[in-house]
């Protein structure tokens, strides 16, 4: 069965020196096919799927302790690792200091 509601894991970063500052601007890392920007046309890649996007969907049903790979993914995004960034649609920190 399919759930009627869809919970999403959203990965964001900020360039703010104090991430708890209410004026800190948080920017989202967009995935290639995972739901995100409502103005973006949905991707259609049937019968295939983007594995990372698919794993993110299932990660939303559990805790990060059950999906330790998310911690490693976040670390690679913080380090701006090119191989990891190539799996995403956008890098909001391209050409700037990492978050």
N, C-alpha and C. Protein backbone atom coordinates (compact mmCIF):
# COMPACT_ATOMS: atom_id res chain seq x y z
N UNK A 1 0.83 -1.19 0.00
CA UNK A 1 0.00 0.00 0.00
C UNK A 1 0.87 1.24 0.00
N UNK A 2 0.28 2.34 -0.34
CA UNK A 2 0.97 3.62 -0.38
C UNK A 2 0.34 4.54 0.66
N UNK A 3 1.17 5.28 1.37
CA UNK A 3 0.64 6.19 2.39
C UNK A 3 -0.08 7.36 1.76
N UNK A 4 -1.01 7.94 2.50
CA UNK A 4 -1.76 9.10 1.99
C UNK A 4 -1.00 10.39 2.19
N UNK A 5 -0.08 10.41 3.14
CA UNK A 5 0.76 11.58 3.37
C UNK A 5 2.20 11.19 3.07
N UNK A 6 2.98 12.16 2.61
CA UNK A 6 4.38 11.88 2.30
C UNK A 6 5.26 12.81 3.11
N UNK A 7 6.05 12.23 3.98
CA UNK A 7 7.03 12.97 4.77
C UNK A 7 8.31 13.03 3.96
N UNK A 8 8.97 14.18 3.97
CA UNK A 8 10.20 14.36 3.19
C UNK A 8 11.36 14.75 4.09
N UNK A 9 12.52 14.22 3.80
CA UNK A 9 13.76 14.66 4.42
C UNK A 9 14.33 15.74 3.52
N UNK A 10 14.60 16.90 4.09
CA UNK A 10 15.15 18.02 3.32
C UNK A 10 16.53 18.35 3.88
N UNK A 11 17.52 18.39 3.01
CA UNK A 11 18.87 18.74 3.42
C UNK A 11 19.13 20.19 3.05
N UNK A 12 19.53 20.98 4.04
CA UNK A 12 19.79 22.40 3.84
C UNK A 12 21.13 22.76 4.47
N UNK A 13 21.69 23.86 4.03
CA UNK A 13 22.92 24.39 4.59
C UNK A 13 22.82 25.90 4.68
N UNK A 14 23.68 26.49 5.50
CA UNK A 14 23.71 27.94 5.63
C UNK A 14 25.15 28.42 5.66
N UNK A 15 25.36 29.61 5.15
CA UNK A 15 26.67 30.25 5.19
C UNK A 15 26.81 31.11 6.44
N UNK A 16 25.75 31.20 7.22
CA UNK A 16 25.76 32.02 8.42
C UNK A 16 26.76 31.47 9.43
N UNK A 17 27.48 32.34 10.10
CA UNK A 17 28.42 31.91 11.14
C UNK A 17 27.69 31.34 12.34
N UNK A 18 26.45 31.80 12.58
CA UNK A 18 25.62 31.29 13.66
C UNK A 18 24.34 30.71 13.07
N UNK A 19 24.28 29.38 12.93
CA UNK A 19 23.09 28.79 12.31
C UNK A 19 21.81 28.98 13.12
N UNK A 20 21.93 29.32 14.39
CA UNK A 20 20.75 29.54 15.23
C UNK A 20 20.23 30.97 15.12
N UNK A 21 20.98 31.83 14.44
CA UNK A 21 20.57 33.21 14.24
C UNK A 21 19.28 33.23 13.42
N UNK A 22 18.24 33.92 13.90
CA UNK A 22 16.97 33.94 13.16
C UNK A 22 17.09 34.54 11.75
N UNK A 23 18.15 35.31 11.51
CA UNK A 23 18.32 35.89 10.17
C UNK A 23 19.15 35.00 9.25
N UNK A 24 19.59 33.85 9.74
CA UNK A 24 20.38 32.93 8.92
C UNK A 24 19.53 32.45 7.74
N UNK A 25 20.13 32.44 6.57
CA UNK A 25 19.44 31.99 5.36
C UNK A 25 19.84 30.54 5.11
N UNK A 26 18.84 29.67 5.09
CA UNK A 26 19.06 28.26 4.84
C UNK A 26 18.71 27.96 3.39
N UNK A 27 19.61 27.24 2.70
CA UNK A 27 19.42 26.93 1.29
C UNK A 27 19.35 25.42 1.11
N UNK A 28 18.43 25.00 0.27
CA UNK A 28 18.15 23.57 0.10
C UNK A 28 18.99 22.96 -1.01
N UNK A 29 19.48 21.77 -0.74
CA UNK A 29 20.12 20.95 -1.77
C UNK A 29 18.99 20.24 -2.51
N UNK A 30 18.84 20.50 -3.80
CA UNK A 30 17.77 19.89 -4.60
C UNK A 30 18.24 18.56 -5.17
N UNK A 31 17.36 17.58 -5.11
CA UNK A 31 17.64 16.27 -5.69
C UNK A 31 17.09 16.24 -7.12
N UNK A 32 17.54 15.28 -7.90
CA UNK A 32 17.16 15.22 -9.31
C UNK A 32 15.70 14.84 -9.50
N UNK A 33 15.18 13.92 -8.70
CA UNK A 33 13.80 13.47 -8.91
C UNK A 33 12.96 13.47 -7.64
N UNK A 34 13.56 13.70 -6.51
CA UNK A 34 12.80 13.74 -5.26
C UNK A 34 11.92 14.99 -5.26
N UNK A 35 10.69 14.88 -4.76
CA UNK A 35 9.85 16.09 -4.70
C UNK A 35 10.57 17.22 -3.97
N UNK A 36 10.40 18.41 -4.46
CA UNK A 36 11.05 19.59 -3.89
C UNK A 36 10.32 20.84 -4.32
N UNK A 37 10.97 21.62 -5.14
CA UNK A 37 10.39 22.86 -5.64
C UNK A 37 9.08 22.57 -6.39
N UNK A 38 7.98 23.12 -5.90
CA UNK A 38 6.67 22.85 -6.51
C UNK A 38 6.54 23.46 -7.91
N UNK A 39 7.44 24.38 -8.26
CA UNK A 39 7.41 24.97 -9.61
C UNK A 39 8.18 24.14 -10.62
N UNK A 40 8.92 23.13 -10.14
CA UNK A 40 9.70 22.28 -11.03
C UNK A 40 8.83 21.16 -11.59
N UNK A 41 8.99 20.90 -12.86
CA UNK A 41 8.24 19.81 -13.49
C UNK A 41 8.72 18.48 -12.91
N UNK A 42 7.80 17.56 -12.56
CA UNK A 42 8.22 16.26 -12.03
C UNK A 42 9.02 15.49 -13.08
N UNK A 43 10.01 14.75 -12.61
CA UNK A 43 10.81 13.97 -13.56
C UNK A 43 10.11 12.64 -13.83
N UNK A 44 10.34 12.11 -14.98
CA UNK A 44 9.78 10.84 -15.38
C UNK A 44 10.90 10.02 -15.99
N UNK A 45 11.28 8.97 -15.30
CA UNK A 45 12.42 8.18 -15.76
C UNK A 45 12.09 6.69 -15.79
N UNK A 46 10.82 6.35 -15.80
CA UNK A 46 10.38 4.97 -15.76
C UNK A 46 11.04 4.16 -16.89
N UNK A 47 11.41 2.95 -16.66
CA UNK A 47 11.22 2.13 -15.47
C UNK A 47 12.35 2.26 -14.44
N UNK A 48 13.23 3.23 -14.61
CA UNK A 48 14.36 3.39 -13.71
C UNK A 48 14.06 4.45 -12.65
N UNK A 49 14.92 4.55 -11.67
CA UNK A 49 14.79 5.61 -10.67
C UNK A 49 16.17 6.00 -10.18
N UNK A 50 16.24 7.20 -9.64
CA UNK A 50 17.49 7.65 -9.04
C UNK A 50 17.58 7.05 -7.64
N UNK A 51 18.57 6.25 -7.42
CA UNK A 51 18.68 5.47 -6.18
C UNK A 51 18.73 6.36 -4.94
N UNK A 52 19.51 7.44 -4.96
CA UNK A 52 19.61 8.30 -3.78
C UNK A 52 18.26 8.95 -3.48
N UNK A 53 17.57 9.42 -4.48
CA UNK A 53 16.25 10.03 -4.29
C UNK A 53 15.28 9.01 -3.69
N UNK A 54 15.35 7.80 -4.17
CA UNK A 54 14.49 6.72 -3.69
C UNK A 54 14.80 6.40 -2.23
N UNK A 55 16.09 6.34 -1.90
CA UNK A 55 16.49 6.08 -0.50
C UNK A 55 16.04 7.20 0.43
N UNK A 56 16.06 8.43 -0.05
CA UNK A 56 15.60 9.55 0.77
C UNK A 56 14.12 9.42 1.11
N UNK A 57 13.34 8.88 0.18
CA UNK A 57 11.92 8.68 0.43
C UNK A 57 11.73 7.71 1.59
N UNK A 58 12.45 6.59 1.58
CA UNK A 58 12.32 5.61 2.65
C UNK A 58 12.94 6.09 3.95
N UNK A 59 13.95 6.93 3.88
CA UNK A 59 14.57 7.46 5.09
C UNK A 59 13.58 8.31 5.88
N UNK A 60 12.61 8.90 5.21
CA UNK A 60 11.61 9.74 5.89
C UNK A 60 10.68 8.93 6.77
N UNK A 61 10.64 7.62 6.58
CA UNK A 61 9.79 6.76 7.40
C UNK A 61 10.48 6.31 8.69
N UNK A 62 11.77 6.59 8.81
CA UNK A 62 12.55 6.10 9.94
C UNK A 62 13.38 7.22 10.53
N UNK A 63 14.18 6.88 11.55
CA UNK A 63 15.07 7.86 12.17
C UNK A 63 16.43 7.81 11.50
N UNK A 64 17.24 8.83 11.77
CA UNK A 64 18.58 8.84 11.18
C UNK A 64 19.44 7.71 11.75
N UNK A 65 19.13 7.24 12.95
CA UNK A 65 19.89 6.11 13.51
C UNK A 65 19.67 4.84 12.68
N UNK A 66 18.51 4.75 12.05
CA UNK A 66 18.23 3.60 11.20
C UNK A 66 18.76 3.79 9.78
N UNK A 67 19.22 4.99 9.48
CA UNK A 67 19.76 5.33 8.16
C UNK A 67 21.05 6.12 8.34
N UNK A 68 22.06 5.49 8.89
CA UNK A 68 23.32 6.18 9.18
C UNK A 68 23.97 6.78 7.94
N UNK A 69 23.64 6.28 6.79
CA UNK A 69 24.22 6.80 5.55
C UNK A 69 23.88 8.27 5.35
N UNK A 70 22.77 8.75 5.94
CA UNK A 70 22.40 10.16 5.79
C UNK A 70 23.43 11.06 6.46
N UNK A 71 23.97 10.61 7.59
CA UNK A 71 25.01 11.39 8.28
C UNK A 71 26.25 11.49 7.39
N UNK A 72 26.60 10.39 6.74
CA UNK A 72 27.76 10.40 5.83
C UNK A 72 27.48 11.28 4.61
N UNK A 73 26.25 11.24 4.10
CA UNK A 73 25.86 12.09 2.98
C UNK A 73 26.00 13.56 3.36
N UNK A 74 25.49 13.92 4.54
CA UNK A 74 25.58 15.31 5.00
C UNK A 74 27.04 15.74 5.13
N UNK A 75 27.89 14.86 5.64
CA UNK A 75 29.32 15.18 5.76
C UNK A 75 29.96 15.43 4.40
N UNK A 76 29.59 14.63 3.42
CA UNK A 76 30.15 14.80 2.07
C UNK A 76 29.64 16.10 1.44
N UNK A 77 28.39 16.48 1.74
CA UNK A 77 27.87 17.75 1.24
C UNK A 77 28.59 18.92 1.90
N UNK A 78 28.86 18.81 3.19
CA UNK A 78 29.59 19.86 3.89
C UNK A 78 31.01 20.00 3.34
N UNK A 79 31.60 18.88 2.94
CA UNK A 79 32.95 18.89 2.38
C UNK A 79 32.94 19.25 0.89
N UNK A 80 31.75 19.42 0.33
CA UNK A 80 31.58 19.75 -1.09
C UNK A 80 32.27 18.72 -1.99
N UNK A 81 32.11 17.45 -1.67
CA UNK A 81 32.70 16.38 -2.46
C UNK A 81 32.02 16.29 -3.82
N UNK A 82 32.79 16.43 -4.86
CA UNK A 82 32.25 16.50 -6.23
C UNK A 82 31.44 15.27 -6.62
N UNK A 83 31.91 14.08 -6.26
CA UNK A 83 31.18 12.86 -6.62
C UNK A 83 29.80 12.83 -6.00
N UNK A 84 29.70 13.27 -4.77
CA UNK A 84 28.41 13.31 -4.08
C UNK A 84 27.52 14.40 -4.67
N UNK A 85 28.09 15.57 -4.92
CA UNK A 85 27.31 16.67 -5.49
C UNK A 85 26.77 16.34 -6.88
N UNK A 86 27.45 15.45 -7.60
CA UNK A 86 26.99 15.07 -8.93
C UNK A 86 25.69 14.26 -8.87
N UNK A 87 25.36 13.73 -7.71
CA UNK A 87 24.11 12.98 -7.54
C UNK A 87 22.91 13.90 -7.34
N UNK A 88 23.16 15.19 -7.13
CA UNK A 88 22.10 16.15 -6.85
C UNK A 88 21.81 17.02 -8.07
N UNK A 89 20.63 17.63 -8.07
CA UNK A 89 20.26 18.52 -9.16
C UNK A 89 20.94 19.87 -9.02
N UNK A 90 20.99 20.39 -7.79
CA UNK A 90 21.61 21.70 -7.56
C UNK A 90 22.46 21.70 -6.31
N UNK A 91 23.49 22.54 -6.34
CA UNK A 91 24.34 22.80 -5.18
C UNK A 91 24.21 24.29 -4.90
N UNK A 92 23.47 24.68 -3.86
CA UNK A 92 23.29 26.11 -3.60
C UNK A 92 24.58 26.83 -3.22
N UNK A 93 25.65 26.09 -2.95
CA UNK A 93 26.91 26.69 -2.54
C UNK A 93 27.98 26.62 -3.62
N UNK A 94 27.58 26.33 -4.85
CA UNK A 94 28.54 26.27 -5.96
C UNK A 94 29.23 27.61 -6.13
N UNK A 95 30.55 27.60 -6.18
CA UNK A 95 31.33 28.81 -6.36
C UNK A 95 31.45 29.66 -5.09
N UNK A 96 31.01 29.12 -3.97
CA UNK A 96 31.10 29.84 -2.70
C UNK A 96 31.74 28.94 -1.66
N UNK A 97 32.01 29.50 -0.50
CA UNK A 97 32.51 28.69 0.60
C UNK A 97 31.46 27.65 0.98
N UNK A 98 31.91 26.46 1.40
CA UNK A 98 30.94 25.42 1.79
C UNK A 98 30.12 25.86 3.01
N UNK A 99 28.98 25.24 3.19
CA UNK A 99 28.12 25.61 4.32
C UNK A 99 28.77 25.31 5.66
